[in-house]
Amino acid sequence: MGQKRPITIDVHQHFVPEAYFDAISADPEAFGASLEGDYFRLRSGMKIKWSARQRDPKLRIRDMDASRIDVAVLSLLPPLFAYAEPADTARRICTLVNDALTEVARDHRDRFIAMGHVPLQDVDASIEELQRLRLTAVQIGSNVNGRSLDDPALLPFFRAAERVGTFIFVHPTVSDLIGADRLRQYYLRNLIGNPTDTAVAIASVMFGGVLDACPNLKICFAHGGGAAPYLWGRWEHGQSVRREAKVRTTTPLGVLRQRIYVDTLTHSASALRFLIGEVGSGHVLLGSDYPADMGDHGQVAAIEQLGLGETAARQILGGTAAGLLGLGGP
């Protein structure tokens, strides 16, 4: 990158390539969505507001400079996952998005890395997409149409990602969030639903044997791991006293949680300190959720203000991410 100081890498930024806007404008039926002014309307009827910051690379780079972010890993806006779409539609969306994100990253190779998207309702197609692009990173949902990540049908995908060396970033889905029927008011579907669904995703890959089957899987969870880091003590106790918690793994949870990564998006300095203490600075990656209103775009300054020491700060700000993404170690 040609910089004397260590680079800062934001692993949690969402982007919608211009090619997606063009495609749904030209053929809404083929891509399961349409444009209505400042909104995407999905085939399900859900409306998602879009902004210029989701689609304009130059505007994004300006904001990155202001936030002291050197490299952003660009992933698709999660409401556009399209897991509920027919498999052929989902494959069409993935090919379009991945090719477009790859082109954006190529055009700005010093600033962006493309994080691909896969149609996880079709595991075979997802594996083919991994192999087609040899993707450095892929974003997936915390569940797939209500199926948790320990669903046996998904294991071949995780094995393939481990084999290829793909970095997996797990982000809550918009649909099928756990307890959604009780979270309709006060924006609780995001404030509580997102971190809770992420906790279920982490528990699923741990208790469900995914991390045993794929010990070298590079997997990171958004929003500071959701509620999981604050439940690990309870999970470990449960594993020691309940047979149900040992159906698919007997590997201690304390060992399994050392195999996952989380981002820094906790919205709280004290929570972030706790998180780093729980997982170690080498397993926490800078993540801002740019440009979402639920993001935190002052992450570099917030991390530096924790007083962690130079080594830990370098790991979190970009050193560990660089290693996971094939850019070199901390």
Protein backbone atom coordinates (compact mmCIF):
# COMPACT_ATOMS: atom_id res chain seq x y z
CA MET A 1 0.00 0.00 0.00
CA GLY A 2 3.06 2.27 0.15
CA GLN A 3 2.35 3.55 3.68
CA LYS A 4 4.86 3.83 6.50
CA ARG A 5 2.32 3.30 9.27
CA PRO A 6 0.34 0.04 9.55
CA ILE A 7 -2.77 0.11 7.37
CA THR A 8 -6.22 0.29 8.89
CA ILE A 9 -8.70 -2.21 7.45
CA ASP A 10 -12.46 -2.00 7.91
CA VAL A 11 -13.97 -5.45 7.35
CA HIS A 12 -17.59 -4.30 7.71
CA GLN A 13 -18.65 -1.87 5.00
CA HIS A 14 -21.70 -2.33 2.78
CA PHE A 15 -21.90 -1.37 -0.88
CA VAL A 16 -24.37 -1.72 -3.74
CA PRO A 17 -22.63 -1.67 -7.14
CA GLU A 18 -24.05 0.46 -9.91
CA ALA A 19 -24.57 -2.67 -11.99
CA TYR A 20 -27.21 -3.83 -9.51
CA PHE A 21 -29.16 -0.59 -9.92
CA ASP A 22 -28.96 -0.97 -13.69
CA ALA A 23 -30.06 -4.60 -13.60
CA ILE A 24 -33.14 -4.15 -11.43
CA SER A 25 -34.13 -1.08 -13.44
CA ALA A 26 -33.90 -3.03 -16.69
CA ASP A 27 -35.45 -6.31 -15.53
CA PRO A 28 -37.05 -6.28 -12.06
CA GLU A 29 -38.56 -9.74 -12.49
CA ALA A 30 -35.23 -11.39 -13.27
CA PHE A 31 -33.58 -9.92 -10.15
CA GLY A 32 -36.48 -9.96 -7.70
CA ALA A 33 -36.36 -6.23 -6.92
CA SER A 34 -37.21 -2.84 -8.35
CA LEU A 35 -36.36 0.81 -7.74
CA GLU A 36 -38.92 3.21 -6.31
CA GLY A 37 -37.21 6.55 -5.91
CA ASP A 38 -34.86 6.28 -2.94
CA TYR A 39 -36.00 2.73 -2.13
CA PHE A 40 -35.40 -0.81 -3.25
CA ARG A 41 -38.64 -2.77 -3.30
CA LEU A 42 -37.95 -6.48 -2.92
CA ARG A 43 -40.25 -9.11 -4.34
CA SER A 44 -41.37 -9.87 -0.77
CA GLY A 45 -42.74 -6.32 -0.56
CA MET A 46 -40.04 -5.08 1.80
CA LYS A 47 -38.78 -1.56 1.05
CA ILE A 48 -35.14 -0.67 1.76
CA LYS A 49 -33.90 2.91 1.56
CA TRP A 50 -30.66 3.42 -0.34
CA SER A 51 -28.24 6.34 -0.19
CA ALA A 52 -25.50 7.78 -2.38
CA ARG A 53 -22.90 6.54 0.12
CA GLN A 54 -23.90 2.95 -0.68
CA ARG A 55 -23.07 3.28 -4.37
CA ASP A 56 -20.49 6.05 -4.90
CA PRO A 57 -16.83 4.92 -4.53
CA LYS A 58 -15.46 8.46 -4.60
CA LEU A 59 -17.76 9.63 -1.82
CA ARG A 60 -16.84 6.55 0.19
CA ILE A 61 -13.11 7.15 -0.21
CA ARG A 62 -13.57 10.73 0.98
CA ASP A 63 -15.33 9.47 4.09
CA MET A 64 -12.69 6.79 4.61
CA ASP A 65 -9.98 9.43 4.55
CA ALA A 66 -11.87 11.47 7.14
CA SER A 67 -12.20 8.37 9.34
CA ARG A 68 -8.58 7.27 8.74
CA ILE A 69 -9.65 4.01 7.07
CA ASP A 70 -7.08 2.90 4.51
CA VAL A 71 -8.80 -0.19 3.13
CA ALA A 72 -12.49 -1.11 3.16
CA VAL A 73 -13.81 -4.61 2.54
CA LEU A 74 -16.99 -4.08 0.53
CA SER A 75 -19.93 -6.41 1.08
CA LEU A 76 -23.45 -6.38 -0.33
CA LEU A 77 -26.17 -4.60 1.63
CA PRO A 78 -27.64 -7.47 3.74
CA PRO A 79 -31.33 -6.90 2.87
CA LEU A 80 -30.36 -7.83 -0.70
CA PHE A 81 -29.16 -11.36 0.23
CA ALA A 82 -32.13 -12.83 -1.73
CA TYR A 83 -32.05 -16.16 0.10
CA ALA A 84 -35.82 -16.48 -0.33
CA GLU A 85 -35.60 -16.04 -4.09
CA PRO A 86 -35.62 -19.02 -6.47
CA ALA A 87 -32.17 -20.51 -6.91
CA ASP A 88 -31.76 -19.28 -10.49
CA THR A 89 -32.58 -15.71 -9.45
CA ALA A 90 -30.17 -15.93 -6.52
CA ARG A 91 -27.39 -17.22 -8.77
CA ARG A 92 -28.02 -14.41 -11.24
CA ILE A 93 -27.77 -11.82 -8.45
CA CYS A 94 -24.58 -13.33 -7.06
CA THR A 95 -22.81 -13.41 -10.41
CA LEU A 96 -23.81 -9.81 -11.11
CA VAL A 97 -22.82 -8.52 -7.67
CA ASN A 98 -19.55 -10.41 -7.42
CA ASP A 99 -18.36 -9.40 -10.85
CA ALA A 100 -19.29 -5.78 -10.15
CA LEU A 101 -17.66 -5.68 -6.70
CA THR A 102 -14.53 -7.26 -8.14
CA GLU A 103 -14.40 -4.54 -10.78
CA VAL A 104 -14.85 -1.75 -8.21
CA ALA A 105 -12.06 -3.23 -6.10
CA ARG A 106 -9.83 -3.57 -9.17
CA ASP A 107 -10.42 0.07 -10.09
CA HIS A 108 -9.47 1.16 -6.56
CA ARG A 109 -7.06 -1.61 -5.66
CA ASP A 110 -5.31 0.40 -2.93
CA ARG A 111 -8.57 1.15 -1.11
CA PHE A 112 -11.10 -1.65 -1.60
CA ILE A 113 -11.30 -5.42 -1.28
CA ALA A 114 -14.35 -7.21 -2.67
CA MET A 115 -16.30 -9.41 -0.26
CA GLY A 116 -18.41 -11.75 -2.36
CA HIS A 117 -21.97 -12.97 -2.01
CA VAL A 118 -23.19 -16.54 -2.44
CA PRO A 119 -26.70 -18.01 -2.90
CA LEU A 120 -26.69 -20.16 0.24
CA GLN A 121 -30.14 -21.60 -0.47
CA ASP A 122 -28.21 -23.46 -3.20
CA VAL A 123 -25.07 -24.85 -1.59
CA ASP A 124 -23.68 -26.37 -4.79
CA ALA A 125 -23.99 -23.03 -6.59
CA SER A 126 -22.35 -21.30 -3.62
CA ILE A 127 -19.38 -23.64 -3.80
CA GLU A 128 -19.13 -23.09 -7.55
CA GLU A 129 -19.05 -19.32 -6.98
CA LEU A 130 -16.26 -19.70 -4.42
CA GLN A 131 -14.25 -21.69 -6.91
CA ARG A 132 -15.11 -19.46 -9.89
CA LEU A 133 -13.72 -16.28 -8.37
CA ARG A 134 -11.40 -17.77 -5.72
CA LEU A 135 -12.96 -15.17 -3.45
CA THR A 136 -10.79 -13.71 -0.71
CA ALA A 137 -13.85 -13.03 1.44
CA VAL A 138 -17.57 -13.83 1.44
CA GLN A 139 -20.45 -12.44 3.47
CA ILE A 140 -23.22 -14.81 4.57
CA GLY A 141 -26.32 -14.44 6.70
CA SER A 142 -26.74 -15.52 10.31
CA ASN A 143 -29.40 -17.93 9.08
CA VAL A 144 -30.59 -19.15 5.70
CA ASN A 145 -34.36 -18.95 5.41
CA GLY A 146 -34.64 -19.83 9.10
CA ARG A 147 -32.05 -22.62 8.99
CA SER A 148 -29.20 -22.20 11.44
CA LEU A 149 -25.59 -22.44 10.28
CA ASP A 150 -25.20 -25.94 11.74
CA ASP A 151 -27.69 -27.31 9.20
CA PRO A 152 -25.89 -30.36 7.73
CA ALA A 153 -26.75 -29.20 4.21
CA LEU A 154 -24.52 -26.14 4.72
CA LEU A 155 -21.44 -28.04 5.91
CA PRO A 156 -20.07 -28.69 2.38
CA PHE A 157 -20.00 -24.92 1.87
CA PHE A 158 -17.97 -24.37 5.03
CA ARG A 159 -15.61 -27.18 4.05
CA ALA A 160 -15.12 -25.58 0.63
CA ALA A 161 -14.47 -22.15 2.17
CA GLU A 162 -11.90 -23.68 4.49
CA ARG A 163 -10.25 -25.46 1.57
CA VAL A 164 -10.12 -22.34 -0.61
CA GLY A 165 -9.05 -20.17 2.34
CA THR A 166 -12.00 -17.80 2.05
CA PHE A 167 -12.62 -15.40 4.93
CA ILE A 168 -16.31 -15.62 5.94
CA PHE A 169 -18.11 -12.64 7.46
CA VAL A 170 -21.43 -13.47 9.12
CA HIS A 171 -24.01 -10.68 9.20
CA PRO A 172 -27.58 -10.86 10.51
CA THR A 173 -30.22 -11.43 7.91
CA VAL A 174 -33.19 -9.06 7.64
CA SER A 175 -35.74 -11.85 7.41
CA ASP A 176 -36.19 -14.87 9.68
CA LEU A 177 -34.60 -13.19 12.70
CA ILE A 178 -35.20 -15.16 15.86
CA GLY A 179 -38.14 -13.83 17.86
CA ALA A 180 -39.09 -11.38 15.12
CA ASP A 181 -42.79 -11.58 16.00
CA ARG A 182 -42.05 -9.95 19.37
CA LEU A 183 -39.65 -7.35 18.00
CA ARG A 184 -41.92 -5.32 15.76
CA GLN A 185 -41.87 -2.14 17.84
CA TYR A 186 -39.13 0.36 18.69
CA TYR A 187 -36.74 -0.97 15.99
CA LEU A 188 -36.11 -3.97 18.26
CA ARG A 189 -35.69 -6.24 15.24
CA ASN A 190 -32.30 -4.56 14.82
CA LEU A 191 -31.52 -3.46 18.38
CA ILE A 192 -32.21 -6.91 19.84
CA GLY A 193 -32.94 -9.20 16.89
CA ASN A 194 -29.62 -8.68 15.09
CA PRO A 195 -27.30 -9.34 18.05
CA THR A 196 -29.46 -12.24 19.20
CA ASP A 197 -29.50 -13.92 15.80
CA THR A 198 -25.72 -13.50 15.65
CA ALA A 199 -25.42 -15.22 19.03
CA VAL A 200 -27.48 -18.12 17.70
CA ALA A 201 -25.21 -18.30 14.65
CA ILE A 202 -22.11 -18.48 16.84
CA ALA A 203 -23.68 -21.07 19.11
CA SER A 204 -24.68 -23.10 16.07
CA VAL A 205 -21.18 -23.32 14.59
CA MET A 206 -19.78 -24.17 18.04
CA PHE A 207 -22.33 -26.62 19.47
CA GLY A 208 -23.25 -27.87 16.00
CA GLY A 209 -19.79 -29.23 15.20
CA VAL A 210 -19.00 -26.89 12.31
CA LEU A 211 -15.78 -25.67 13.93
CA ASP A 212 -14.79 -29.26 14.71
CA ALA A 213 -15.33 -30.25 11.09
CA CYS A 214 -13.53 -27.12 9.81
CA PRO A 215 -10.87 -26.26 12.39
CA ASN A 216 -9.08 -23.87 10.04
CA LEU A 217 -12.18 -21.99 8.92
CA LYS A 218 -11.68 -18.21 8.94
CA ILE A 219 -15.00 -16.92 10.24
CA CYS A 220 -15.89 -13.53 11.72
CA PHE A 221 -19.18 -12.34 13.22
CA ALA A 222 -20.57 -8.81 12.96
CA HIS A 223 -21.55 -6.43 15.74
CA GLY A 224 -18.99 -7.60 18.25
CA GLY A 225 -20.33 -11.15 18.12
CA GLY A 226 -23.76 -9.93 19.17
CA ALA A 227 -24.86 -11.27 22.54
CA ALA A 228 -22.55 -14.29 22.43
CA PRO A 229 -19.50 -12.94 24.33
CA TYR A 230 -21.71 -12.15 27.31
CA LEU A 231 -23.19 -15.67 27.30
CA TRP A 232 -20.05 -17.78 26.91
CA GLY A 233 -19.78 -18.49 30.62
CA ARG A 234 -23.34 -19.79 30.62
CA TRP A 235 -22.69 -21.86 27.50
CA GLU A 236 -19.56 -23.41 29.00
CA HIS A 237 -21.40 -24.26 32.19
CA GLY A 238 -24.23 -25.77 30.16
CA GLN A 239 -21.81 -27.88 28.19
CA SER A 240 -20.42 -29.28 31.43
CA VAL A 241 -23.81 -30.28 32.92
CA ARG A 242 -26.22 -30.89 30.03
CA ARG A 243 -26.01 -33.80 27.61
CA GLU A 244 -27.95 -31.81 24.98
CA ALA A 245 -24.98 -29.46 24.65
CA LYS A 246 -22.66 -32.38 23.77
CA VAL A 247 -24.68 -34.02 20.99
CA ARG A 248 -22.42 -32.81 18.15
CA THR A 249 -19.24 -31.73 19.94
CA THR A 250 -17.36 -32.49 23.10
CA THR A 251 -14.65 -29.96 22.34
CA PRO A 252 -14.67 -27.44 25.19
CA LEU A 253 -16.40 -24.19 24.28
CA GLY A 254 -13.38 -22.35 25.63
CA VAL A 255 -11.35 -23.95 22.84
CA LEU A 256 -13.93 -23.44 20.12
CA ARG A 257 -14.39 -19.73 20.77
CA GLN A 258 -10.70 -19.20 20.14
CA ARG A 259 -11.38 -20.18 16.50
CA ILE A 260 -13.73 -17.30 15.67
CA TYR A 261 -13.29 -13.58 15.07
CA VAL A 262 -15.60 -10.66 15.82
CA ASP A 263 -15.69 -7.05 14.70
CA THR A 264 -15.45 -3.98 16.93
CA LEU A 265 -18.97 -2.63 16.47
CA THR A 266 -20.24 -2.53 20.06
CA HIS A 267 -21.14 1.19 20.37
CA SER A 268 -19.54 1.20 23.81
CA ALA A 269 -15.93 1.61 24.94
CA SER A 270 -16.52 -0.52 28.04
CA ALA A 271 -18.20 -3.26 26.01
CA LEU A 272 -15.33 -3.24 23.52
CA ARG A 273 -12.77 -3.54 26.32
CA PHE A 274 -14.73 -6.50 27.70
CA LEU A 275 -14.91 -8.09 24.25
CA ILE A 276 -11.16 -7.75 23.70
CA GLY A 277 -10.55 -9.27 27.11
CA GLU A 278 -12.77 -12.21 26.25
CA VAL A 279 -11.46 -13.09 22.78
CA GLY A 280 -8.04 -11.43 22.72
CA SER A 281 -6.90 -8.54 20.56
CA GLY A 282 -5.81 -10.95 17.83
CA HIS A 283 -9.43 -12.01 17.24
CA VAL A 284 -11.08 -8.58 17.04
CA LEU A 285 -11.25 -6.78 13.67
CA LEU A 286 -12.15 -3.18 12.98
CA GLY A 287 -15.69 -2.96 11.61
CA SER A 288 -17.77 0.19 11.15
CA ASP A 289 -20.96 -0.91 9.32
CA TYR A 290 -20.52 2.08 6.99
CA PRO A 291 -22.74 3.74 5.80
CA ALA A 292 -25.59 2.42 7.97
CA ASP A 293 -27.20 4.69 10.55
CA MET A 294 -26.52 1.90 13.07
CA GLY A 295 -22.81 2.03 12.21
CA ASP A 296 -20.01 3.76 14.07
CA HIS A 297 -17.71 5.60 11.71
CA GLY A 298 -15.21 6.79 14.32
CA GLN A 299 -13.76 3.36 14.97
CA VAL A 300 -10.06 4.17 14.52
CA ALA A 301 -10.12 6.93 17.11
CA ALA A 302 -12.27 4.86 19.47
CA ILE A 303 -9.84 1.93 19.33
CA GLU A 304 -6.83 4.16 19.86
CA GLN A 305 -8.47 5.78 22.87
CA LEU A 306 -8.79 2.43 24.66
CA GLY A 307 -5.12 2.54 25.61
CA LEU A 308 -4.50 -1.08 24.62
CA GLY A 309 -0.84 -0.73 23.77
CA GLU A 310 0.79 -0.64 20.36
CA THR A 311 0.73 -4.36 19.55
CA ALA A 312 -2.94 -4.91 20.42
CA ALA A 313 -4.03 -1.73 18.66
CA ARG A 314 -2.16 -2.71 15.49
CA GLN A 315 -3.80 -6.14 15.48
CA ILE A 316 -7.30 -4.70 15.78
CA LEU A 317 -6.83 -1.76 13.43
CA GLY A 318 -5.73 -3.95 10.55
CA GLY A 319 -2.90 -6.35 11.31
CA THR A 320 -5.02 -9.42 11.91
CA ALA A 321 -7.37 -8.61 9.04
CA ALA A 322 -4.40 -8.25 6.71
CA GLY A 323 -3.32 -11.79 7.52
CA LEU A 324 -6.81 -13.23 7.15
CA LEU A 325 -7.29 -11.49 3.80
CA GLY A 326 -3.94 -12.50 2.40
CA LEU A 327 -2.33 -9.06 2.64
CA GLY A 328 0.37 -10.12 5.09
CA GLY A 329 0.46 -10.58 8.86
CA PRO A 330 0.15 -8.06 11.72
